[in-house]
Amino acid sequence: MVLHWRSLADVPASMTGSTVTIGNFDGVHRGHQELLSTVVDQAARHRCASVVVTFDPHPARVHRPEAAPAPIMSEPRKERLLEEAGVEALLVIHYTLDFADQSAEQFVKDYLVQGLRARVVVVGHDVRFGRGNEGTLATMVELGAKYGFEVIGVDDVGPDRRWSSTWVREALQRGDVHEAARILGRHHSMRGEVVHGFARGREMGFPTANLAPDATGLMPADGVYAGWLHDESGTRWPAAISIGTNPTFDGEVRTVEAHVIDRPEEAVEDFDLYGQIVDLEFVEHLRGTVKYHGPEALVEQMHCDVDQARGSLAADASKALAADLEA
C-alpha cells in the first residue's frame, strides 16, 4: 500500500533519502507512466524511497476555478495506479494561493531537500514550479547542483503529440475511447454504485445497471459503447454501455447504464447488481445518440448494438490474451 502523507510532518524521520517526481498525475497516462518507471528504477538504484509529490485541490481549481478541467479519475483510483506503478509514498500538498506564492527555490529547499531528503528528482521537460511558474527544468538542474541532488528530465512526447491529460479529455469529449486508451495505456473507466433507474430497458428486454449520479471518472460523450463491467466479485462481464439523456423518451438527465450481454443461463434470473460498486471500462464507441420513433425502432437498434458490442469485445479479449502470451 502507498504511504499517504498529508504534510511534511508525516514524513518519517528515519527516511534517509528519496527519489521524487512532481505533478498532478490525473489519468496516470503513458507520459506519467514513463516518469514513474524512471522514479521507481532510480529509487531501487539508490536504495531509497520512491515518492510522488502532488497537489489537492488541483492548482487550476485555485487559480481559475471557472475553467478548471474535470478530473479524469478519482483520487482513490489514481492512488491505486500509482501503487501498481511501484510508488512507495505519496505526499499530497494542500494547494493554496499562499503556497503558490513561494519562490521556486523555496519550494525545492523546503519540500524536496529538507522535507524529503531528495537524492534524485525526476521531472518532465515541461515542468513548471514556484511563483508564477518561474521554475523550469533548467532551474531544477541549477538547484540540484546547489543542494546536492541529481535531476533527470524525461521526454514524455508520444507518437503524434505530447502525452497529456488534456489530450485524454479531448478524446473522451469526442467519444473516442480508443484514442483515450492509446494515451492512457489502458481502457478509460468509470466507477459507481448501481442504482434503480426507470426500468425501461428491462421492459424492452435489455435490463441495465445504472450508475449513480456521483459516479467517478470522466464521462465520455453521449452514445453507445462496447465495454466491460467489473462487479464486486471480480467478475468481468461484456456489456453494451449507453450514455445520454434517453431522447427517445424525452429524457433530460444524462445517465450511464450498462446492459450485460451473454450472461450464462444460470445467472439470468439471479443477476442483481443493485447496490454494488462496479467499474465500467470503455472499449469502443459504437454509435452516437439517436432519437427513435418509438420503442420498437429502439429495440431493433439495441439488438444491433449488442451484436456489434459482442464482436468488438471478442476482439478486445483476443488482443489481451495475445499480449499476455507475449509477456
Protein backbone atom coordinates (compact mmCIF):
# COMPACT_ATOMS: atom_id res chain seq x y z
CA MET A 1 0.00 0.00 0.00
CA VAL A 2 1.21 3.51 -0.85
CA LEU A 3 2.13 5.57 2.21
CA HIS A 4 -0.07 8.67 2.27
CA TRP A 5 1.47 11.85 3.68
CA ARG A 6 -0.62 14.99 4.05
CA SER A 7 2.25 17.21 5.23
CA LEU A 8 6.00 17.08 5.71
CA ALA A 9 5.34 16.30 9.37
CA ASP A 10 4.10 12.88 8.22
CA VAL A 11 7.41 12.02 6.55
CA PRO A 12 9.28 9.54 8.79
CA ALA A 13 12.38 10.98 10.39
CA SER A 14 14.07 7.66 9.65
CA MET A 15 13.83 8.21 5.88
CA THR A 16 17.38 8.93 4.76
CA GLY A 17 16.67 9.75 1.13
CA SER A 18 14.20 9.61 -1.73
CA THR A 19 13.71 9.73 -5.46
CA VAL A 20 10.95 12.26 -6.20
CA THR A 21 8.70 13.36 -9.02
CA ILE A 22 6.17 16.21 -9.01
CA GLY A 23 2.82 16.62 -10.73
CA ASN A 24 -0.93 16.17 -10.66
CA PHE A 25 -0.91 12.79 -12.46
CA ASP A 26 -4.58 12.99 -13.44
CA GLY A 27 -5.23 9.95 -15.62
CA VAL A 28 -1.80 8.39 -14.93
CA HIS A 29 -1.33 8.28 -18.70
CA ARG A 30 1.64 6.92 -20.63
CA GLY A 31 3.69 10.08 -20.13
CA HIS A 32 3.13 9.78 -16.38
CA GLN A 33 3.97 6.08 -16.54
CA GLU A 34 7.34 6.86 -18.13
CA LEU A 35 8.12 9.28 -15.31
CA LEU A 36 7.01 6.83 -12.64
CA SER A 37 9.03 3.99 -14.14
CA THR A 38 12.15 6.15 -14.01
CA VAL A 39 11.40 7.17 -10.40
CA VAL A 40 10.98 3.56 -9.27
CA ASP A 41 14.12 2.43 -11.13
CA GLN A 42 16.20 5.26 -9.65
CA ALA A 43 14.86 4.60 -6.16
CA ALA A 44 15.94 0.96 -6.45
CA ARG A 45 19.33 2.00 -7.76
CA HIS A 46 19.91 4.44 -4.88
CA ARG A 47 18.18 2.22 -2.32
CA CYS A 48 15.82 4.94 -1.22
CA ALA A 49 12.07 5.63 -1.21
CA SER A 50 10.13 6.46 -4.40
CA VAL A 51 7.88 9.46 -3.74
CA VAL A 52 5.27 11.32 -5.78
CA VAL A 53 4.52 14.92 -4.78
CA THR A 54 1.07 16.04 -5.88
CA PHE A 55 -1.48 18.70 -5.00
CA ASP A 56 -5.01 18.90 -3.63
CA PRO A 57 -7.01 20.65 -4.91
CA HIS A 58 -5.75 20.76 -8.49
CA PRO A 59 -3.92 24.12 -8.93
CA ALA A 60 -6.33 25.14 -11.69
CA ARG A 61 -9.22 24.96 -9.20
CA VAL A 62 -7.44 27.58 -7.09
CA HIS A 63 -6.20 29.93 -9.82
CA ARG A 64 -9.12 29.72 -12.29
CA PRO A 65 -11.95 27.66 -10.81
CA GLU A 66 -14.39 28.62 -13.56
CA ALA A 67 -12.15 26.96 -16.17
CA ALA A 68 -10.74 24.08 -14.12
CA PRO A 69 -10.87 20.78 -16.02
CA ALA A 70 -12.97 17.90 -14.73
CA PRO A 71 -10.78 15.14 -13.27
CA ILE A 72 -10.27 12.09 -15.46
CA MET A 73 -10.38 9.77 -12.45
CA SER A 74 -11.00 9.78 -8.71
CA GLU A 75 -8.19 10.25 -6.19
CA PRO A 76 -8.50 6.66 -4.88
CA ARG A 77 -8.24 5.33 -8.45
CA LYS A 78 -5.17 7.48 -9.07
CA GLU A 79 -3.55 6.23 -5.88
CA ARG A 80 -4.20 2.60 -6.87
CA LEU A 81 -2.49 3.17 -10.22
CA LEU A 82 0.47 4.87 -8.55
CA GLU A 83 0.79 1.87 -6.26
CA GLU A 84 0.65 -0.50 -9.24
CA ALA A 85 3.47 1.51 -10.80
CA GLY A 86 5.62 0.74 -7.75
CA VAL A 87 5.47 4.10 -5.97
CA GLU A 88 6.06 3.79 -2.22
CA ALA A 89 4.79 7.13 -0.92
CA LEU A 90 2.51 9.98 -1.93
CA LEU A 91 2.93 13.46 -0.46
CA VAL A 92 -0.29 15.43 -1.05
CA ILE A 93 0.31 19.15 -0.58
CA HIS A 94 -2.70 21.31 0.26
CA TYR A 95 -2.61 23.82 -2.60
CA THR A 96 -3.42 27.42 -1.69
CA LEU A 97 -2.59 30.86 -3.04
CA ASP A 98 -0.08 31.28 -0.20
CA PHE A 99 1.65 28.05 -1.19
CA ALA A 100 1.68 29.15 -4.84
CA ASP A 101 3.36 32.43 -3.90
CA GLN A 102 6.64 30.88 -2.73
CA SER A 103 9.67 31.03 -4.99
CA ALA A 104 10.86 28.03 -6.96
CA GLU A 105 13.96 27.78 -4.78
CA GLN A 106 11.98 27.97 -1.55
CA PHE A 107 9.73 25.13 -2.69
CA VAL A 108 12.71 22.96 -3.61
CA LYS A 109 14.56 23.76 -0.39
CA ASP A 110 11.59 23.21 1.96
CA TYR A 111 9.90 20.24 0.31
CA LEU A 112 12.45 18.36 -1.75
CA VAL A 113 15.69 18.97 0.13
CA GLN A 114 14.78 19.37 3.79
CA GLY A 115 11.43 17.58 3.76
CA LEU A 116 12.04 14.56 1.51
CA ARG A 117 15.86 14.44 1.52
CA ALA A 118 15.78 14.02 -2.25
CA ARG A 119 18.72 12.29 -3.90
CA VAL A 120 17.16 12.26 -7.36
CA VAL A 121 14.36 14.41 -8.82
CA VAL A 122 12.67 13.12 -11.97
CA VAL A 123 10.58 15.60 -14.00
CA GLY A 124 9.22 16.13 -17.48
CA HIS A 125 10.94 18.60 -19.79
CA ASP A 126 7.96 20.97 -19.46
CA VAL A 127 7.95 21.05 -15.63
CA ARG A 128 6.92 24.33 -14.00
CA PHE A 129 7.00 25.17 -10.31
CA GLY A 130 7.21 28.10 -7.93
CA ARG A 131 5.69 31.59 -8.03
CA GLY A 132 4.24 32.36 -11.45
CA ASN A 133 5.62 29.04 -12.74
CA GLU A 134 9.09 30.60 -12.69
CA GLY A 135 10.82 27.27 -12.17
CA THR A 136 11.75 25.18 -15.24
CA LEU A 137 13.84 22.07 -15.89
CA ALA A 138 16.92 24.32 -16.14
CA THR A 139 16.03 25.86 -12.77
CA MET A 140 15.71 22.40 -11.21
CA VAL A 141 19.13 21.39 -12.61
CA GLU A 142 20.70 24.53 -11.10
CA LEU A 143 19.06 23.90 -7.73
CA GLY A 144 20.10 20.25 -7.85
CA ALA A 145 23.73 21.32 -8.29
CA LYS A 146 23.35 23.77 -5.40
CA TYR A 147 21.64 21.43 -2.95
CA GLY A 148 23.18 18.13 -3.95
CA PHE A 149 20.57 16.11 -5.80
CA GLU A 150 20.57 14.66 -9.31
CA VAL A 151 17.97 15.82 -11.83
CA ILE A 152 16.65 13.56 -14.62
CA GLY A 153 14.47 15.04 -17.35
CA VAL A 154 12.12 12.56 -19.02
CA ASP A 155 10.86 13.05 -22.56
CA ASP A 156 7.09 12.47 -22.48
CA VAL A 157 6.32 13.08 -26.18
CA GLY A 158 4.10 10.48 -27.81
CA PRO A 159 3.99 9.43 -31.47
CA ASP A 160 1.71 12.32 -32.53
CA ARG A 161 1.96 14.90 -29.76
CA ARG A 162 2.91 15.14 -26.10
CA TRP A 163 1.12 12.63 -23.86
CA SER A 164 -1.19 14.70 -21.66
CA SER A 165 -4.34 14.72 -19.56
CA THR A 166 -5.69 17.40 -21.90
CA TRP A 167 -5.36 15.01 -24.83
CA VAL A 168 -7.27 12.33 -22.89
CA ARG A 169 -10.10 14.78 -22.13
CA GLU A 170 -10.30 15.88 -25.76
CA ALA A 171 -10.62 12.27 -26.89
CA LEU A 172 -13.32 11.44 -24.33
CA GLN A 173 -15.28 14.59 -25.18
CA ARG A 174 -15.44 13.26 -28.77
CA GLY A 175 -16.32 9.78 -27.54
CA ASP A 176 -13.08 8.44 -28.98
CA VAL A 177 -12.38 5.94 -26.21
CA HIS A 178 -9.97 4.05 -28.50
CA GLU A 179 -7.69 7.08 -28.70
CA ALA A 180 -8.11 7.71 -24.97
CA ALA A 181 -6.96 4.13 -24.31
CA ARG A 182 -3.92 4.68 -26.54
CA ILE A 183 -2.91 7.68 -24.43
CA LEU A 184 -3.73 6.08 -21.08
CA GLY A 185 -2.21 2.70 -21.87
CA ARG A 186 -5.46 1.04 -20.72
CA HIS A 187 -9.21 1.46 -21.21
CA HIS A 188 -10.80 4.53 -19.64
CA SER A 189 -13.18 3.63 -16.84
CA MET A 190 -15.92 4.94 -14.58
CA ARG A 191 -16.81 3.66 -11.12
CA GLY A 192 -20.03 3.97 -9.18
CA GLU A 193 -22.89 2.33 -7.34
CA VAL A 194 -25.62 0.58 -9.33
CA VAL A 195 -28.94 2.30 -8.62
CA HIS A 196 -32.53 1.89 -9.79
CA GLY A 197 -33.48 3.69 -12.98
CA PHE A 198 -36.77 3.92 -14.88
CA ALA A 199 -36.70 0.18 -15.73
CA ARG A 200 -37.38 0.96 -19.41
CA GLY A 201 -34.53 -1.31 -20.50
CA ARG A 202 -35.91 -4.22 -18.52
CA GLU A 203 -39.36 -3.70 -20.03
CA MET A 204 -37.82 -3.88 -23.51
CA GLY A 205 -35.77 -6.99 -22.72
CA PHE A 206 -32.50 -5.14 -22.11
CA PRO A 207 -32.09 -4.69 -18.32
CA THR A 208 -29.35 -2.23 -17.44
CA ALA A 209 -27.11 -1.42 -14.50
CA ASN A 210 -27.47 2.33 -13.95
CA LEU A 211 -24.57 4.20 -12.35
CA ALA A 212 -25.39 6.67 -9.56
CA PRO A 213 -25.05 10.37 -10.47
CA ASP A 214 -21.97 10.68 -8.25
CA ALA A 215 -20.03 8.03 -10.20
CA THR A 216 -16.37 8.93 -10.63
CA GLY A 217 -14.36 9.05 -13.83
CA LEU A 218 -14.81 11.50 -16.68
CA MET A 219 -17.99 10.71 -18.62
CA PRO A 220 -17.37 10.23 -22.35
CA ALA A 221 -19.57 11.84 -24.99
CA ASP A 222 -23.16 10.66 -25.40
CA GLY A 223 -23.51 7.46 -27.36
CA VAL A 224 -23.36 3.69 -27.19
CA TYR A 225 -20.13 1.88 -26.35
CA ALA A 226 -18.80 -1.65 -26.12
CA GLY A 227 -17.21 -2.21 -22.75
CA TRP A 228 -16.62 -4.38 -19.72
CA LEU A 229 -18.45 -4.31 -16.39
CA HIS A 230 -16.46 -5.45 -13.35
CA ASP A 231 -18.67 -6.40 -10.40
CA GLU A 232 -17.71 -6.65 -6.73
CA SER A 233 -16.88 -10.36 -7.04
CA GLY A 234 -14.16 -9.54 -9.55
CA THR A 235 -16.10 -11.00 -12.48
CA ARG A 236 -15.73 -9.16 -15.79
CA TRP A 237 -18.90 -9.09 -17.91
CA PRO A 238 -19.18 -7.95 -21.54
CA ALA A 239 -21.57 -5.02 -21.85
CA ALA A 240 -23.18 -2.52 -24.17
CA ILE A 241 -22.98 0.86 -22.41
CA SER A 242 -25.27 3.80 -23.13
CA ILE A 243 -24.56 7.40 -22.16
CA GLY A 244 -27.09 10.16 -22.70
CA THR A 245 -30.50 11.54 -21.86
CA ASN A 246 -32.61 8.78 -23.48
CA PRO A 247 -34.01 11.12 -26.18
CA THR A 248 -36.50 8.53 -27.44
CA PHE A 249 -38.28 9.01 -24.09
CA ASP A 250 -37.60 12.78 -23.93
CA GLY A 251 -35.20 12.40 -21.01
CA GLU A 252 -33.32 15.39 -19.64
CA VAL A 253 -30.71 13.94 -17.26
CA ARG A 254 -27.51 12.34 -18.58
CA THR A 255 -27.14 8.79 -17.33
CA VAL A 256 -24.69 5.94 -17.71
CA GLU A 257 -26.21 2.47 -17.99
CA ALA A 258 -24.74 -0.87 -18.98
CA HIS A 259 -26.53 -3.91 -20.38
CA VAL A 260 -24.59 -7.08 -19.59
CA ILE A 261 -24.65 -9.39 -22.60
CA ASP A 262 -24.26 -13.16 -22.91
CA ARG A 263 -24.82 -13.92 -19.25
CA PRO A 264 -24.78 -17.69 -18.55
CA GLU A 265 -28.29 -19.13 -18.25
CA GLU A 266 -27.87 -19.93 -14.55
CA ALA A 267 -27.11 -16.26 -13.85
CA VAL A 268 -30.01 -14.69 -15.73
CA GLU A 269 -32.66 -14.94 -13.02
CA ASP A 270 -30.35 -14.13 -10.08
CA PHE A 271 -28.31 -11.43 -11.75
CA ASP A 272 -28.74 -8.48 -9.40
CA LEU A 273 -26.17 -5.70 -9.28
CA TYR A 274 -28.21 -3.16 -7.30
CA GLY A 275 -26.16 -1.60 -4.53
CA GLN A 276 -22.87 -2.94 -5.88
CA ILE A 277 -19.92 -0.70 -6.72
CA VAL A 278 -18.94 -1.56 -10.28
CA ASP A 279 -16.34 -0.41 -12.78
CA LEU A 280 -17.16 0.21 -16.43
CA GLU A 281 -14.37 0.05 -18.99
CA PHE A 282 -14.99 1.72 -22.36
CA VAL A 283 -13.54 -0.25 -25.27
CA GLU A 284 -15.13 1.13 -28.45
CA HIS A 285 -17.58 3.82 -29.48
CA LEU A 286 -20.33 2.12 -31.50
CA ARG A 287 -22.63 4.99 -32.45
CA GLY A 288 -23.95 8.36 -31.39
CA THR A 289 -27.23 9.02 -29.61
CA VAL A 290 -30.33 8.96 -31.82
CA LYS A 291 -33.96 9.74 -31.08
CA TYR A 292 -36.01 6.86 -32.46
CA HIS A 293 -39.68 6.88 -33.43
CA GLY A 294 -40.94 4.70 -30.61
CA PRO A 295 -39.66 1.78 -28.52
CA GLU A 296 -39.92 -0.76 -31.35
CA ALA A 297 -37.33 1.00 -33.50
CA LEU A 298 -35.09 1.43 -30.44
CA VAL A 299 -35.30 -2.27 -29.57
CA GLU A 300 -34.32 -3.21 -33.11
CA GLN A 301 -31.29 -0.94 -32.88
CA MET A 302 -30.39 -2.29 -29.43
CA HIS A 303 -30.17 -5.81 -30.86
CA CYS A 304 -27.72 -4.46 -33.44
CA ASP A 305 -25.76 -2.66 -30.70
CA VAL A 306 -25.43 -5.86 -28.68
CA ASP A 307 -24.24 -7.81 -31.73
CA GLN A 308 -21.67 -5.15 -32.55
CA ALA A 309 -20.52 -4.90 -28.92
CA ARG A 310 -20.12 -8.68 -28.75
CA GLY A 311 -17.81 -8.66 -31.77
CA SER A 312 -15.80 -5.72 -30.50
CA LEU A 313 -15.29 -7.27 -27.08
CA ALA A 314 -14.32 -10.65 -28.52
CA ALA A 315 -11.58 -8.86 -30.48
CA ASP A 316 -10.50 -6.95 -27.35
CA ALA A 317 -10.31 -10.17 -25.31
CA SER A 318 -8.25 -11.85 -28.05
CA LYS A 319 -5.87 -8.90 -28.16
CA ALA A 320 -5.43 -9.00 -24.38
CA LEU A 321 -4.79 -12.75 -24.48
CA ALA A 322 -2.17 -12.35 -27.21
CA ALA A 323 -0.45 -9.64 -25.15
CA ASP A 324 -0.42 -11.91 -22.09
CA LEU A 325 1.08 -14.75 -24.11
CA GLU A 326 3.81 -12.50 -25.49
CA ALA A 327 4.62 -11.28 -21.98
